[in-house]
Protein backbone atom coordinates (compact mmCIF):
# COMPACT_ATOMS: atom_id res chain seq x y z
CA MET A 1 123.53 98.30 92.30
CA VAL A 2 122.00 101.40 90.63
CA HIS A 3 118.81 99.40 90.36
CA ILE A 4 119.17 98.19 93.94
CA ALA A 5 119.65 101.84 95.13
CA ARG A 6 116.34 102.73 93.56
CA ARG A 7 114.59 99.88 94.90
CA MET A 8 115.92 100.48 98.38
CA PHE A 9 114.97 104.10 98.13
CA GLU A 10 111.40 103.10 97.29
CA LEU A 11 111.18 100.47 100.32
CA LEU A 12 112.83 102.69 102.84
CA GLU A 13 111.19 105.96 102.07
CA PRO A 14 107.98 105.02 103.82
CA ILE A 15 109.91 104.29 106.95
CA CYS A 16 111.50 107.77 106.95
CA LEU A 17 108.27 109.59 106.16
CA VAL A 18 106.74 108.77 109.34
CA THR A 19 108.88 111.60 110.93
CA PHE A 20 107.21 114.07 108.71
CA PHE A 21 103.60 112.85 108.29
CA ALA A 22 102.85 110.98 111.56
CA ASP A 23 101.78 112.86 114.73
CA GLU A 24 104.18 111.18 117.41
CA CYS A 25 107.43 113.00 116.12
CA ASN A 26 105.83 116.57 116.18
CA ALA A 27 104.32 115.85 119.52
CA GLU A 28 107.68 114.80 121.07
CA LEU A 29 109.14 117.79 119.66
CA ALA A 30 106.35 120.12 120.71
CA ALA A 31 106.77 118.50 124.29
CA LEU A 32 110.22 119.84 124.52
CA GLY A 33 109.11 123.37 123.82
CA HIS A 34 109.44 123.89 120.08
CA ARG A 35 106.83 126.20 119.11
CA THR A 36 106.20 125.21 115.44
CA TYR A 37 106.54 122.31 113.25
CA TRP A 38 109.46 124.03 111.34
CA ASP A 39 111.31 124.74 114.65
CA GLY A 40 111.40 121.17 115.38
CA TYR A 41 112.18 119.94 111.97
CA PHE A 42 115.22 122.02 111.43
CA ALA A 43 116.46 121.62 115.08
CA SER A 44 116.23 117.87 115.07
CA ARG A 45 117.26 117.14 111.46
CA ALA A 46 120.44 119.54 111.72
CA ALA A 47 121.16 118.49 115.24
CA PRO A 48 123.97 115.86 114.34
CA LEU A 49 125.70 118.53 112.78
CA GLY A 50 126.24 120.24 116.02
CA ARG A 51 125.60 123.94 116.80
CA VAL A 52 126.41 125.27 113.45
CA PRO A 53 125.32 128.53 112.11
CA ALA A 54 122.21 128.92 109.85
CA GLU A 55 124.46 129.19 106.77
CA VAL A 56 125.74 125.88 107.26
CA VAL A 57 122.20 124.28 107.73
CA HIS A 58 121.34 126.11 104.53
CA ALA A 59 124.04 124.64 102.71
CA ALA A 60 123.53 120.96 103.82
CA PHE A 61 119.81 121.02 103.34
CA TYR A 62 120.21 122.84 100.03
CA ASN A 63 116.48 122.84 98.82
CA PHE A 64 115.15 125.56 101.30
CA ALA A 65 114.88 129.20 100.13
CA GLU A 66 117.34 131.73 101.27
CA GLY A 67 116.72 132.88 104.73
CA GLU A 68 114.19 129.87 105.84
CA ALA A 69 116.93 128.08 107.92
CA ALA A 70 117.89 131.39 109.49
CA ARG A 71 114.23 131.59 110.92
CA HIS A 72 114.78 128.56 112.98
CA ILE A 73 118.60 128.12 113.45
CA PRO A 74 120.21 128.79 115.95
CA SER A 75 117.13 130.31 117.88
CA ALA A 76 115.59 126.63 118.03
CA TRP A 77 118.59 125.63 119.83
CA GLU A 78 118.90 128.43 122.48
CA THR A 79 117.00 126.72 125.19
CA ILE A 80 116.72 123.13 123.76
CA PRO A 81 120.05 121.19 123.17
CA PRO A 82 120.40 119.75 119.75
CA GLU A 83 120.83 116.32 121.29
CA ALA A 84 117.65 116.45 122.96
CA SER A 85 115.70 117.32 119.73
CA PHE A 86 117.60 114.72 117.93
CA ALA A 87 116.32 112.01 120.62
CA ALA A 88 112.78 113.31 120.54
CA ARG A 89 112.82 112.89 116.62
CA GLU A 90 114.04 109.06 116.98
CA ARG A 91 111.48 108.30 119.73
CA GLY A 92 108.58 109.88 117.98
CA SER A 93 109.45 108.25 114.67
CA ALA A 94 109.91 104.88 116.28
CA ALA A 95 106.49 105.29 118.10
CA SER A 96 104.90 106.05 114.72
CA LEU A 97 106.33 103.05 113.13
CA ARG A 98 105.13 100.74 116.09
CA ARG A 99 101.69 102.01 115.96
CA ILE A 100 101.31 101.77 112.20
CA LEU A 101 102.97 98.25 111.84
CA GLY A 102 101.03 96.84 114.82
CA ASP A 103 102.52 94.55 117.50
CA GLU A 104 102.90 91.55 115.35
CA LEU A 105 104.78 93.01 112.50
CA ALA A 106 106.83 95.41 114.82
CA ALA A 107 107.91 92.62 117.02
CA SER A 108 108.59 90.03 114.10
CA PRO A 109 111.92 88.32 113.32
CA GLY A 110 111.62 89.74 109.86
CA LEU A 111 111.86 93.30 111.20
CA VAL A 112 114.75 92.43 113.39
CA ARG A 113 116.74 91.12 110.28
CA ALA A 114 115.68 94.02 108.11
CA ALA A 115 117.01 96.28 110.82
CA ASP A 116 120.19 94.46 111.19
CA LEU A 117 120.79 94.44 107.44
CA THR A 118 119.75 98.17 106.89
CA THR A 119 122.29 99.05 109.53
CA LYS A 120 124.90 96.96 107.98
CA ALA A 121 124.64 98.84 104.71
CA ALA A 122 124.03 102.30 106.53
CA THR A 123 127.09 102.08 108.46
CA SER A 124 129.39 100.81 105.62
CA ALA A 125 129.65 103.65 103.11
CA PRO A 126 132.28 106.41 102.99
CA THR A 127 131.54 109.62 104.42
CA ALA A 128 133.69 111.87 102.31
CA GLY A 129 131.58 114.63 100.69
CA ARG A 130 128.50 113.60 102.68
CA VAL A 131 127.79 116.12 105.17
CA MET A 132 124.30 115.13 106.51
CA TYR A 133 125.39 111.37 106.45
CA ALA A 134 128.59 111.79 108.26
CA GLY A 135 126.65 113.74 111.09
CA LEU A 136 124.26 110.94 111.41
CA ARG A 137 127.45 108.36 111.54
CA THR A 138 128.46 110.10 114.74
CA CYS A 139 125.10 109.43 116.44
CA PRO A 140 124.72 105.81 118.50
CA VAL A 141 122.83 103.27 116.53
CA PRO A 142 119.64 102.26 118.97
CA GLY A 143 119.46 98.89 120.28
CA ASP A 144 115.77 98.57 119.77
CA PRO A 145 115.17 97.01 116.46
CA VAL A 146 112.30 99.52 115.38
CA ALA A 147 114.23 102.56 116.31
CA ARG A 148 117.38 100.93 114.65
CA LEU A 149 115.39 100.41 111.37
CA TRP A 150 114.13 103.95 111.49
CA HIS A 151 117.66 105.42 112.26
CA SER A 152 119.33 103.31 109.65
CA ALA A 153 116.83 104.20 107.07
CA ASN A 154 117.31 107.68 107.90
CA MET A 155 121.03 107.36 107.36
CA LEU A 156 120.45 106.01 103.98
CA ARG A 157 118.12 108.84 103.02
CA GLU A 158 120.53 111.47 104.04
CA HIS A 159 123.23 109.66 102.30
CA ARG A 160 121.28 109.80 99.34
CA GLY A 161 120.23 113.32 99.78
CA ASP A 162 123.87 114.43 99.95
CA GLY A 163 124.34 112.55 96.46
CA HIS A 164 121.29 114.22 95.14
CA VAL A 165 122.71 117.69 96.16
CA ALA A 166 125.94 117.03 94.45
CA ALA A 167 124.05 115.91 91.26
CA LEU A 168 121.96 119.08 91.53
CA VAL A 169 125.00 121.35 91.96
CA GLY A 170 126.73 119.71 88.90
CA ALA A 171 123.47 120.31 86.87
CA ARG A 172 123.67 124.03 88.07
CA ILE A 173 120.20 123.54 89.59
CA GLY A 174 119.47 125.43 92.71
CA GLY A 175 117.11 124.34 95.57
CA THR A 176 114.20 126.16 94.43
CA GLU A 177 114.77 125.28 90.95
CA ALA A 178 114.78 121.56 91.85
CA HIS A 179 111.46 121.99 93.58
CA VAL A 180 110.04 123.44 90.37
CA LEU A 181 111.51 120.58 88.10
CA SER A 182 110.02 118.05 90.61
CA ALA A 183 106.61 119.78 90.36
CA VAL A 184 106.68 119.68 86.65
CA ASP A 185 107.90 116.21 86.71
CA MET A 186 104.84 115.20 89.07
CA GLY A 187 102.43 116.84 86.78
CA ILE A 188 101.63 119.85 89.17
CA HIS A 189 100.66 122.88 86.97
CA PRO A 190 101.39 125.67 87.36
CA PRO A 191 104.47 124.38 89.21
CA GLU A 192 104.46 127.52 91.44
CA THR A 193 101.50 125.97 93.27
CA PHE A 194 103.77 123.03 94.70
CA GLY A 195 103.52 122.90 98.38
CA ARG A 196 107.22 123.32 99.08
CA ILE A 197 107.48 126.52 97.35
CA HIS A 198 104.09 128.09 96.79
CA HIS A 199 104.66 130.37 100.05
CA LEU A 200 107.65 132.12 98.40
CA PRO A 201 107.27 135.58 97.26
CA LYS A 202 105.85 135.82 93.76
CA ALA A 203 108.73 137.81 92.44
CA ARG A 204 111.12 135.24 93.81
CA LEU A 205 109.28 132.36 92.17
CA ALA A 206 108.92 134.41 88.84
CA ALA A 207 112.57 134.93 88.69
CA VAL A 208 113.25 131.28 89.30
CA MET A 209 110.76 130.39 86.62
CA ASP A 210 112.35 132.92 84.14
CA GLY A 211 115.71 131.40 84.88
CA LEU A 212 114.67 127.86 83.84
CA ARG A 213 113.04 129.30 80.59
CA GLU A 214 116.24 131.25 79.64
CA ARG A 215 118.08 127.77 80.07
CA GLY A 216 115.42 126.19 77.95
CA LEU A 217 114.41 123.68 80.68
CA ILE A 218 110.82 124.50 80.80
CA ASP A 219 108.46 126.07 78.29
CA ALA A 220 106.39 129.53 78.34
CA ASP A 221 103.43 127.38 79.85
CA GLY A 222 105.67 125.99 82.66
CA ARG A 223 106.17 122.54 81.42
CA PHE A 224 109.21 120.48 80.33
CA THR A 225 111.13 121.01 77.08
CA ASP A 226 113.03 118.04 75.87
CA ALA A 227 115.91 119.44 77.30
CA GLY A 228 114.56 120.00 80.72
CA ARG A 229 113.31 116.43 80.94
CA GLU A 230 116.51 115.04 80.00
CA THR A 231 118.20 117.24 82.65
CA LYS A 232 115.81 115.90 85.36
CA HIS A 233 116.30 112.22 84.13
CA ARG A 234 120.17 112.73 84.30
CA ILE A 235 119.85 114.03 87.84
CA GLU A 236 117.70 111.21 89.02
CA ALA A 237 120.08 108.63 87.40
CA LEU A 238 123.31 110.19 88.92
CA THR A 239 121.37 110.44 92.30
CA ASP A 240 120.76 106.47 92.08
CA GLU A 241 124.26 105.85 91.03
CA LEU A 242 125.70 107.91 93.91
CA ALA A 243 123.10 106.14 96.52
CA ALA A 244 124.62 102.65 95.53
CA PRO A 245 127.92 102.38 97.73
CA PRO A 246 126.21 101.41 101.15
CA TYR A 247 124.65 98.39 99.45
CA GLU A 248 127.80 97.17 98.12
CA ALA A 249 128.48 95.85 101.83
CA LEU A 250 125.73 93.30 101.38
CA SER A 251 125.96 90.12 99.47
CA PRO A 252 123.46 89.21 96.72
CA ALA A 253 121.70 86.98 99.21
CA GLU A 254 121.48 89.43 101.79
CA LEU A 255 120.17 92.03 99.30
CA ASP A 256 117.37 89.65 98.28
CA GLU A 257 116.64 88.81 101.99
CA LEU A 258 116.49 92.64 102.92
CA ILE A 259 114.11 93.46 100.10
CA ALA A 260 112.00 90.55 100.86
CA GLU A 261 111.70 91.42 104.67
CA LEU A 262 111.17 95.30 103.94
CA GLU A 263 108.46 94.64 101.45
CA PRO A 264 105.66 94.02 103.98
CA ILE A 265 106.95 96.66 106.31
CA SER A 266 106.93 99.27 103.50
CA ALA A 267 103.64 98.11 102.02
CA ARG A 268 101.88 98.50 105.45
CA LEU A 269 103.25 101.94 105.86
CA ALA A 270 102.40 102.91 102.25
CA ALA A 271 98.83 102.00 102.70
CA THR A 272 98.44 104.54 105.42
CA GLY A 273 100.46 107.26 103.85
CA SER A 274 103.13 106.81 106.71
CA GLN A 275 100.86 108.53 109.06
């Protein structure tokens, strides 16, 4: 099941990435009145949690630097209800999928079957300890197959994300530190130039890098030590293990069928960079 969890992540991630990379979602959120991409991002992603304070969103999202959530929450909800932002996110994401996949694939029996099986998995896992996933489980599942596929893929993504946060906390890796380790793992050098963190104050980034060096996870040049590489591997392995429960709801035959139906969908999206 750990292998299945990793394979499903590879297949479902291109579906989820249209939310961030394609134009339709951002256009829907802008039409509501969100002034910036990040206003719409925080407002729509955190919407299933309800009108919680920025501190709760920061804790649930985990990997944003201190104060980033507070620049958008709760101000992004003051004139635009969370429910409206969430609905716009779903509409835009589904519209992106339809455009990229094309009429034939978007309306195919294979996509409908993939949506049904993905939803079965996504609505079957325990919610205990899974804050973002639990929030999404309270949202209605769309009837339209394309929207349902996106919604269920997104549920599974947040379920995996909750487990990843648990793995990071257990390894005593903070959110910014996690980005540094990901950058090193991807071969980005120096890791401080990684797009998710390069905008942070230099003093803050220097402190993070110094802390990782003191723990023996990166060397003086900003590359993995053996201990750092092992730590990253252990976190990813545990993330896969914790992401497995939803797929236990599917029989071996259903898993094989789901993978087969998702492969052409995922390949089409990957070929366009999900945009």
